[in-house]
Each structure stands twice: as C-alpha cells, then as structure tokens.
N, C-alpha and C. Protein backbone atom coordinates (compact mmCIF):
# COMPACT_ATOMS: atom_id res chain seq x y z
N MET A 1 -4.62 -12.15 6.64
CA MET A 1 -3.98 -12.68 5.45
C MET A 1 -2.71 -13.41 5.85
N GLU A 2 -2.56 -14.55 5.26
CA GLU A 2 -1.36 -15.35 5.52
C GLU A 2 -0.59 -15.53 4.22
N ILE A 3 0.72 -15.78 4.35
CA ILE A 3 1.56 -16.03 3.18
C ILE A 3 0.93 -17.16 2.36
N GLY A 4 0.84 -16.94 1.05
CA GLY A 4 0.24 -17.92 0.15
C GLY A 4 -1.22 -17.62 -0.18
N ASN A 5 -1.89 -16.77 0.62
CA ASN A 5 -3.27 -16.39 0.32
C ASN A 5 -3.33 -15.59 -0.98
N LYS A 6 -4.49 -15.62 -1.60
CA LYS A 6 -4.73 -14.86 -2.83
C LYS A 6 -5.14 -13.42 -2.50
N LEU A 7 -4.81 -12.52 -3.42
CA LEU A 7 -5.22 -11.13 -3.31
C LEU A 7 -6.75 -11.08 -3.24
N PRO A 8 -7.30 -10.50 -2.18
CA PRO A 8 -8.76 -10.44 -2.07
C PRO A 8 -9.37 -9.56 -3.16
N GLU A 9 -10.60 -9.88 -3.52
CA GLU A 9 -11.35 -9.06 -4.47
C GLU A 9 -11.88 -7.83 -3.74
N PHE A 10 -11.56 -6.66 -4.27
CA PHE A 10 -12.11 -5.42 -3.72
C PHE A 10 -12.07 -4.34 -4.79
N THR A 11 -12.90 -3.33 -4.59
CA THR A 11 -12.91 -2.15 -5.46
C THR A 11 -13.02 -0.93 -4.57
N LEU A 12 -12.09 0.01 -4.76
CA LEU A 12 -12.10 1.27 -4.04
C LEU A 12 -11.84 2.40 -5.04
N ASN A 13 -12.21 3.62 -4.66
CA ASN A 13 -11.91 4.76 -5.51
C ASN A 13 -10.52 5.30 -5.23
N ASP A 14 -9.86 5.74 -6.31
CA ASP A 14 -8.53 6.33 -6.15
C ASP A 14 -8.65 7.84 -5.93
N GLN A 15 -7.50 8.51 -5.90
CA GLN A 15 -7.46 9.94 -5.62
C GLN A 15 -8.15 10.78 -6.70
N ASP A 16 -8.41 10.18 -7.86
CA ASP A 16 -9.09 10.90 -8.94
C ASP A 16 -10.56 10.51 -9.07
N GLY A 17 -11.04 9.69 -8.14
CA GLY A 17 -12.43 9.28 -8.15
C GLY A 17 -12.71 8.09 -9.05
N ASN A 18 -11.67 7.47 -9.59
CA ASN A 18 -11.83 6.29 -10.45
C ASN A 18 -11.91 5.03 -9.61
N ALA A 19 -12.82 4.12 -9.97
CA ALA A 19 -12.93 2.84 -9.29
C ALA A 19 -11.76 1.96 -9.72
N VAL A 20 -11.06 1.41 -8.75
CA VAL A 20 -9.91 0.53 -9.01
C VAL A 20 -10.21 -0.82 -8.35
N SER A 21 -10.17 -1.87 -9.15
CA SER A 21 -10.43 -3.22 -8.63
C SER A 21 -9.12 -3.99 -8.51
N SER A 22 -9.02 -4.77 -7.47
CA SER A 22 -7.80 -5.57 -7.26
C SER A 22 -7.55 -6.51 -8.43
N SER A 23 -8.61 -6.98 -9.07
CA SER A 23 -8.46 -7.92 -10.19
C SER A 23 -7.73 -7.31 -11.38
N GLU A 24 -7.70 -5.97 -11.46
CA GLU A 24 -7.01 -5.28 -12.57
C GLU A 24 -5.51 -5.56 -12.58
N PHE A 25 -4.95 -5.95 -11.44
CA PHE A 25 -3.51 -6.11 -11.33
C PHE A 25 -3.05 -7.54 -11.58
N LEU A 26 -3.99 -8.47 -11.57
CA LEU A 26 -3.62 -9.88 -11.74
C LEU A 26 -3.05 -10.14 -13.13
N GLY A 27 -1.95 -10.88 -13.16
CA GLY A 27 -1.31 -11.24 -14.42
C GLY A 27 -0.44 -10.14 -15.01
N LYS A 28 -0.31 -9.02 -14.31
CA LYS A 28 0.45 -7.90 -14.88
C LYS A 28 1.80 -7.68 -14.20
N SER A 29 1.79 -7.56 -12.88
CA SER A 29 3.03 -7.26 -12.18
C SER A 29 2.88 -7.61 -10.70
N ALA A 30 4.01 -7.59 -10.02
CA ALA A 30 3.96 -7.72 -8.56
C ALA A 30 3.24 -6.48 -8.02
N LEU A 31 2.70 -6.60 -6.84
CA LEU A 31 1.92 -5.52 -6.26
C LEU A 31 2.33 -5.31 -4.81
N VAL A 32 2.71 -4.07 -4.50
CA VAL A 32 3.04 -3.69 -3.12
C VAL A 32 1.89 -2.82 -2.63
N ILE A 33 1.17 -3.29 -1.63
CA ILE A 33 0.07 -2.53 -1.04
C ILE A 33 0.47 -2.16 0.37
N PHE A 34 0.50 -0.85 0.63
CA PHE A 34 0.80 -0.43 2.00
C PHE A 34 -0.40 0.31 2.60
N PHE A 35 -0.78 -0.15 3.78
CA PHE A 35 -1.84 0.49 4.55
C PHE A 35 -1.17 1.46 5.52
N TYR A 36 -1.71 2.66 5.60
CA TYR A 36 -1.14 3.66 6.49
C TYR A 36 -2.27 4.38 7.22
N PRO A 37 -1.97 4.98 8.37
CA PRO A 37 -3.04 5.56 9.20
C PRO A 37 -3.76 6.78 8.61
N LYS A 38 -3.02 7.85 8.22
CA LYS A 38 -3.72 9.09 7.87
C LYS A 38 -2.84 10.03 7.06
N ASN A 39 -3.43 10.61 6.01
CA ASN A 39 -2.74 11.60 5.19
C ASN A 39 -2.27 12.78 6.05
N PHE A 40 -1.15 13.35 5.66
CA PHE A 40 -0.59 14.58 6.23
C PHE A 40 -0.11 14.45 7.67
N THR A 41 -0.04 13.25 8.23
CA THR A 41 0.56 13.08 9.55
C THR A 41 2.04 12.78 9.34
N PRO A 42 2.90 13.15 10.28
CA PRO A 42 4.34 13.04 10.06
C PRO A 42 4.83 11.66 9.60
N GLY A 43 4.41 10.60 10.28
CA GLY A 43 4.87 9.26 9.89
C GLY A 43 4.37 8.85 8.52
N CYS A 44 3.15 9.23 8.20
CA CYS A 44 2.57 8.85 6.91
C CYS A 44 3.18 9.66 5.76
N VAL A 45 3.50 10.92 6.02
CA VAL A 45 4.20 11.72 5.02
C VAL A 45 5.56 11.09 4.75
N ARG A 46 6.25 10.71 5.81
CA ARG A 46 7.57 10.08 5.67
C ARG A 46 7.48 8.79 4.85
N GLU A 47 6.47 7.96 5.16
CA GLU A 47 6.32 6.69 4.45
C GLU A 47 5.98 6.93 2.98
N ALA A 48 4.98 7.76 2.71
CA ALA A 48 4.57 8.02 1.33
C ALA A 48 5.71 8.63 0.52
N CYS A 49 6.44 9.56 1.12
CA CYS A 49 7.55 10.20 0.40
C CYS A 49 8.70 9.22 0.19
N SER A 50 8.90 8.28 1.10
CA SER A 50 9.93 7.25 0.89
C SER A 50 9.54 6.32 -0.25
N PHE A 51 8.26 5.95 -0.32
CA PHE A 51 7.80 5.16 -1.46
C PHE A 51 7.98 5.97 -2.74
N ARG A 52 7.68 7.27 -2.69
CA ARG A 52 7.87 8.15 -3.86
C ARG A 52 9.34 8.19 -4.27
N ASP A 53 10.22 8.41 -3.30
CA ASP A 53 11.64 8.55 -3.60
C ASP A 53 12.26 7.25 -4.12
N ASN A 54 11.65 6.13 -3.79
CA ASN A 54 12.14 4.82 -4.25
C ASN A 54 11.23 4.19 -5.30
N PHE A 55 10.30 5.00 -5.83
CA PHE A 55 9.30 4.49 -6.77
C PHE A 55 9.95 3.82 -7.99
N GLU A 56 10.97 4.44 -8.52
CA GLU A 56 11.64 3.88 -9.69
C GLU A 56 12.27 2.53 -9.37
N ASP A 57 12.80 2.37 -8.17
CA ASP A 57 13.36 1.07 -7.76
C ASP A 57 12.27 0.00 -7.77
N PHE A 58 11.09 0.35 -7.29
CA PHE A 58 9.98 -0.60 -7.28
C PHE A 58 9.57 -0.96 -8.71
N THR A 59 9.42 0.06 -9.57
CA THR A 59 9.01 -0.23 -10.95
C THR A 59 10.08 -0.99 -11.71
N ASP A 60 11.36 -0.71 -11.42
CA ASP A 60 12.45 -1.46 -12.06
C ASP A 60 12.40 -2.93 -11.67
N LEU A 61 11.87 -3.22 -10.50
CA LEU A 61 11.73 -4.60 -10.03
C LEU A 61 10.38 -5.20 -10.45
N GLY A 62 9.64 -4.46 -11.26
CA GLY A 62 8.39 -4.98 -11.80
C GLY A 62 7.21 -4.92 -10.86
N ALA A 63 7.25 -3.99 -9.90
CA ALA A 63 6.17 -3.89 -8.91
C ALA A 63 5.42 -2.57 -9.03
N GLN A 64 4.12 -2.65 -8.84
CA GLN A 64 3.29 -1.46 -8.71
C GLN A 64 3.08 -1.20 -7.23
N VAL A 65 2.95 0.08 -6.88
CA VAL A 65 2.77 0.47 -5.49
C VAL A 65 1.39 1.11 -5.33
N ILE A 66 0.69 0.72 -4.27
CA ILE A 66 -0.61 1.29 -3.95
C ILE A 66 -0.65 1.58 -2.45
N GLY A 67 -1.08 2.78 -2.10
CA GLY A 67 -1.28 3.14 -0.70
C GLY A 67 -2.77 3.16 -0.38
N ILE A 68 -3.13 2.67 0.80
CA ILE A 68 -4.54 2.63 1.22
C ILE A 68 -4.66 3.20 2.63
N SER A 69 -5.59 4.13 2.79
CA SER A 69 -5.96 4.61 4.13
C SER A 69 -7.45 4.91 4.12
N SER A 70 -7.98 5.30 5.26
CA SER A 70 -9.41 5.59 5.37
C SER A 70 -9.73 7.03 4.98
N ASP A 71 -8.74 7.77 4.51
CA ASP A 71 -8.98 9.15 4.07
C ASP A 71 -9.85 9.17 2.81
N SER A 72 -10.50 10.28 2.58
CA SER A 72 -11.38 10.45 1.42
C SER A 72 -10.58 10.61 0.13
N GLU A 73 -11.28 10.49 -0.99
CA GLU A 73 -10.65 10.70 -2.30
C GLU A 73 -10.06 12.09 -2.40
N SER A 74 -10.80 13.10 -1.93
CA SER A 74 -10.31 14.48 -2.03
C SER A 74 -9.07 14.69 -1.16
N SER A 75 -9.03 14.08 0.01
CA SER A 75 -7.85 14.17 0.86
C SER A 75 -6.66 13.49 0.18
N HIS A 76 -6.91 12.32 -0.44
CA HIS A 76 -5.85 11.63 -1.18
C HIS A 76 -5.35 12.49 -2.34
N LYS A 77 -6.25 13.16 -3.02
CA LYS A 77 -5.86 14.00 -4.16
C LYS A 77 -4.92 15.13 -3.68
N ARG A 78 -5.30 15.79 -2.58
CA ARG A 78 -4.46 16.87 -2.03
C ARG A 78 -3.11 16.31 -1.58
N PHE A 79 -3.14 15.16 -0.91
CA PHE A 79 -1.92 14.53 -0.40
C PHE A 79 -0.99 14.16 -1.56
N ALA A 80 -1.54 13.51 -2.59
CA ALA A 80 -0.74 13.09 -3.75
C ALA A 80 -0.17 14.30 -4.49
N ARG A 81 -0.98 15.33 -4.66
CA ARG A 81 -0.53 16.52 -5.37
C ARG A 81 0.55 17.25 -4.57
N HIS A 82 0.29 17.44 -3.28
CA HIS A 82 1.23 18.19 -2.44
C HIS A 82 2.62 17.54 -2.39
N TYR A 83 2.65 16.21 -2.29
CA TYR A 83 3.93 15.50 -2.15
C TYR A 83 4.39 14.84 -3.46
N LYS A 84 3.66 15.14 -4.57
CA LYS A 84 4.04 14.62 -5.89
C LYS A 84 4.20 13.10 -5.88
N LEU A 85 3.17 12.42 -5.37
CA LEU A 85 3.20 10.97 -5.26
C LEU A 85 2.84 10.34 -6.61
N PRO A 86 3.70 9.48 -7.16
CA PRO A 86 3.48 8.91 -8.49
C PRO A 86 2.65 7.62 -8.50
N PHE A 87 2.16 7.21 -7.35
CA PHE A 87 1.43 5.95 -7.25
C PHE A 87 -0.02 6.19 -6.83
N THR A 88 -0.82 5.16 -6.94
CA THR A 88 -2.24 5.21 -6.64
C THR A 88 -2.48 5.19 -5.13
N LEU A 89 -3.40 6.05 -4.69
CA LEU A 89 -3.88 6.04 -3.32
C LEU A 89 -5.35 5.65 -3.37
N LEU A 90 -5.76 4.70 -2.55
CA LEU A 90 -7.13 4.24 -2.52
C LEU A 90 -7.82 4.63 -1.23
N ALA A 91 -9.06 5.08 -1.36
CA ALA A 91 -9.85 5.56 -0.23
C ALA A 91 -10.70 4.42 0.34
N ASP A 92 -10.28 3.90 1.47
CA ASP A 92 -11.00 2.83 2.18
C ASP A 92 -11.75 3.47 3.34
N THR A 93 -12.69 4.35 3.03
CA THR A 93 -13.34 5.19 4.04
C THR A 93 -14.11 4.40 5.09
N ARG A 94 -14.51 3.19 4.77
CA ARG A 94 -15.24 2.36 5.74
C ARG A 94 -14.36 1.25 6.33
N ASN A 95 -13.07 1.29 6.01
CA ASN A 95 -12.09 0.30 6.49
C ASN A 95 -12.46 -1.14 6.11
N LYS A 96 -13.23 -1.28 5.04
CA LYS A 96 -13.66 -2.59 4.58
C LYS A 96 -12.45 -3.42 4.11
N VAL A 97 -11.57 -2.81 3.32
CA VAL A 97 -10.42 -3.53 2.79
C VAL A 97 -9.38 -3.76 3.89
N ARG A 98 -9.25 -2.82 4.78
CA ARG A 98 -8.33 -2.98 5.92
C ARG A 98 -8.73 -4.23 6.72
N ARG A 99 -10.03 -4.39 6.96
CA ARG A 99 -10.51 -5.58 7.68
C ARG A 99 -10.32 -6.84 6.83
N LEU A 100 -10.56 -6.74 5.53
CA LEU A 100 -10.39 -7.87 4.61
C LEU A 100 -8.96 -8.41 4.67
N PHE A 101 -7.99 -7.50 4.80
CA PHE A 101 -6.58 -7.88 4.89
C PHE A 101 -6.16 -8.25 6.31
N GLY A 102 -7.01 -7.96 7.28
CA GLY A 102 -6.69 -8.27 8.67
C GLY A 102 -5.67 -7.34 9.28
N VAL A 103 -5.62 -6.09 8.80
CA VAL A 103 -4.67 -5.11 9.34
C VAL A 103 -5.14 -4.69 10.73
N LYS A 104 -4.28 -4.92 11.69
CA LYS A 104 -4.63 -4.62 13.08
C LYS A 104 -4.38 -3.16 13.42
N LYS A 105 -5.05 -2.70 14.44
CA LYS A 105 -4.83 -1.33 14.92
C LYS A 105 -3.45 -1.23 15.53
N GLY A 106 -2.85 -0.06 15.40
CA GLY A 106 -1.53 0.18 15.98
C GLY A 106 -1.65 1.06 17.20
N LEU A 107 -0.57 1.49 17.73
CA LEU A 107 -0.45 2.43 18.84
C LEU A 107 -1.62 2.42 19.82
N LEU A 108 -1.60 1.46 20.72
CA LEU A 108 -2.58 1.33 21.78
C LEU A 108 -4.00 1.12 21.27
N GLY A 109 -4.14 0.62 20.04
CA GLY A 109 -5.45 0.36 19.47
C GLY A 109 -6.21 1.60 19.06
N VAL A 110 -5.51 2.74 19.01
CA VAL A 110 -6.16 4.01 18.68
C VAL A 110 -6.04 4.31 17.18
N LEU A 111 -4.85 4.23 16.65
CA LEU A 111 -4.60 4.53 15.23
C LEU A 111 -4.74 3.28 14.38
N PRO A 112 -5.17 3.47 13.12
CA PRO A 112 -5.16 2.33 12.19
C PRO A 112 -3.71 1.84 12.02
N GLY A 113 -3.55 0.56 11.79
CA GLY A 113 -2.21 -0.01 11.67
C GLY A 113 -1.49 0.36 10.40
N ARG A 114 -0.19 0.15 10.42
CA ARG A 114 0.68 0.39 9.27
C ARG A 114 1.23 -0.98 8.87
N GLU A 115 0.80 -1.46 7.71
CA GLU A 115 1.19 -2.80 7.28
C GLU A 115 1.38 -2.82 5.77
N THR A 116 2.35 -3.60 5.31
CA THR A 116 2.66 -3.71 3.89
C THR A 116 2.55 -5.16 3.45
N PHE A 117 1.98 -5.35 2.25
CA PHE A 117 1.78 -6.67 1.65
C PHE A 117 2.38 -6.69 0.26
N ILE A 118 3.07 -7.78 -0.09
CA ILE A 118 3.62 -7.92 -1.43
C ILE A 118 3.02 -9.18 -2.07
N PHE A 119 2.42 -8.99 -3.23
CA PHE A 119 1.80 -10.07 -3.99
C PHE A 119 2.57 -10.26 -5.29
N ASN A 120 2.66 -11.51 -5.77
CA ASN A 120 3.26 -11.72 -7.08
C ASN A 120 2.22 -11.40 -8.16
N SER A 121 2.60 -11.52 -9.42
CA SER A 121 1.69 -11.13 -10.51
C SER A 121 0.46 -12.03 -10.60
N GLN A 122 0.52 -13.21 -10.00
CA GLN A 122 -0.64 -14.10 -9.98
C GLN A 122 -1.55 -13.80 -8.78
N GLY A 123 -1.18 -12.84 -7.96
CA GLY A 123 -2.00 -12.45 -6.82
C GLY A 123 -1.78 -13.25 -5.57
N GLN A 124 -0.65 -13.95 -5.47
CA GLN A 124 -0.35 -14.74 -4.28
C GLN A 124 0.47 -13.89 -3.31
N LEU A 125 0.06 -13.87 -2.04
CA LEU A 125 0.78 -13.11 -1.02
C LEU A 125 2.12 -13.80 -0.74
N LEU A 126 3.20 -13.05 -0.98
CA LEU A 126 4.55 -13.58 -0.77
C LEU A 126 5.19 -13.07 0.51
N TYR A 127 4.79 -11.87 0.94
CA TYR A 127 5.46 -11.22 2.06
C TYR A 127 4.53 -10.22 2.69
N LYS A 128 4.58 -10.12 4.01
CA LYS A 128 3.83 -9.07 4.71
C LYS A 128 4.65 -8.59 5.88
N PHE A 129 4.42 -7.34 6.25
CA PHE A 129 5.23 -6.73 7.27
C PHE A 129 4.42 -5.65 7.99
N ALA A 130 4.48 -5.64 9.31
CA ALA A 130 3.82 -4.62 10.11
C ALA A 130 4.85 -3.95 11.01
N ALA A 131 4.78 -2.63 11.10
CA ALA A 131 5.65 -1.87 12.00
C ALA A 131 5.05 -0.49 12.19
N LEU A 132 5.21 0.06 13.36
CA LEU A 132 4.70 1.39 13.65
C LEU A 132 5.46 2.44 12.84
N GLY A 133 6.78 2.29 12.76
CA GLY A 133 7.60 3.24 12.03
C GLY A 133 7.48 3.06 10.53
N ALA A 134 7.70 4.13 9.78
CA ALA A 134 7.54 4.11 8.33
C ALA A 134 8.74 3.52 7.59
N ASP A 135 9.94 3.81 8.04
CA ASP A 135 11.15 3.46 7.30
C ASP A 135 11.31 1.98 6.97
N PRO A 136 11.05 1.08 7.91
CA PRO A 136 11.27 -0.34 7.58
C PRO A 136 10.41 -0.85 6.43
N HIS A 137 9.26 -0.24 6.19
CA HIS A 137 8.35 -0.73 5.15
C HIS A 137 9.00 -0.65 3.77
N ILE A 138 9.65 0.43 3.48
CA ILE A 138 10.27 0.61 2.17
C ILE A 138 11.50 -0.28 2.06
N LYS A 139 12.35 -0.23 3.07
CA LYS A 139 13.60 -1.01 3.05
C LYS A 139 13.33 -2.50 2.93
N LYS A 140 12.42 -3.02 3.76
CA LYS A 140 12.13 -4.46 3.75
C LYS A 140 11.45 -4.87 2.45
N SER A 141 10.56 -4.03 1.93
CA SER A 141 9.88 -4.34 0.68
C SER A 141 10.87 -4.41 -0.48
N LEU A 142 11.75 -3.42 -0.57
CA LEU A 142 12.74 -3.43 -1.65
C LEU A 142 13.69 -4.62 -1.53
N LYS A 143 14.12 -4.90 -0.33
CA LYS A 143 15.04 -6.02 -0.11
C LYS A 143 14.37 -7.33 -0.54
N PHE A 144 13.10 -7.50 -0.17
CA PHE A 144 12.38 -8.72 -0.56
C PHE A 144 12.24 -8.81 -2.08
N LEU A 145 11.83 -7.73 -2.72
CA LEU A 145 11.65 -7.73 -4.17
C LEU A 145 12.97 -7.97 -4.90
N GLN A 146 14.05 -7.39 -4.40
CA GLN A 146 15.36 -7.60 -5.02
C GLN A 146 15.76 -9.08 -4.94
N LYS A 147 15.49 -9.70 -3.80
CA LYS A 147 15.80 -11.12 -3.62
C LYS A 147 14.95 -11.96 -4.58
N GLU A 148 13.69 -11.63 -4.73
CA GLU A 148 12.79 -12.36 -5.61
C GLU A 148 13.15 -12.16 -7.09
N HIS A 149 13.70 -11.01 -7.39
CA HIS A 149 13.99 -10.63 -8.76
C HIS A 149 15.26 -11.28 -9.30
N THR A 150 16.13 -11.74 -8.41
CA THR A 150 17.41 -12.32 -8.86
C THR A 150 17.28 -13.80 -9.14
C-alpha cells in the first residue's frame, strides 16, 4: 500500500464473531488500522493497551481504531476482555488482509510485522508506519491525526 491508495475491500470476523467489512467505514470517519503479531505477547499487550489508554484521543480526533492479527476470534475475545480494549479486533487467520496491505514480516522474517495505516473518511491512505516497537505507533498516529485535524 502506498500513500494515496484506497482502503482495500475486505471482510473479517471481529472478536464477537461478527463479519466486519472495510466498506462499512467509508464516509464515516478516519480509520486507524494497526497490524500486530500476536495476542498476549509483551509488545502486543503494550501496543493494544496504549491504543486503549489513548482511545479517547483518537475518537476526539474523529478516528476509529481497529487492530488486526492472525489470532482467532476467540483469542481476540479473551484478549479484548482481559485488557478491556474498547476497539474492534479482526481475525485475519489466513493473513489474507495482511498480504493485501503488504505488511512485511518483522524480526528476522519470523514474526508477522507491526504496521499502522491511517485512512481518511473517504478511504484514502494518508499515512503508514512500520516499527518493531509498539510505542511509536500510538505517538506517531496521534501526532499525524492532530496535524490533520487542525
């Protein structure tokens, strides 16, 4: 995915087993999609909890947050419940959407990559960011949205 590309069409199940289509978000709000390696691992807990702790900042800026990993719906449900995550988690169990977005493998090609994408309400990619560490994803996303919002 390159800056200016449109949000790809996809449908995945969320942590409650509901089908969620990317087209549902078009025309409504900005969309922050973060891909992360695996539920309950230290870096992913840190990232998800940072998105949780800053969730109100994202919604105040008119953005919805969605996390995507290859974990199952039931794993997402446990993860969301345990850490009280207020946003949608999507189960990309076959890594179809990860490939659609072009998210590369991280850490020596062993772990799935950690990458964040920000789309405007029309579904145009405005910003993307990849980093092994969790912290920059939240900080850079908020900084970008704040700049766009002013």
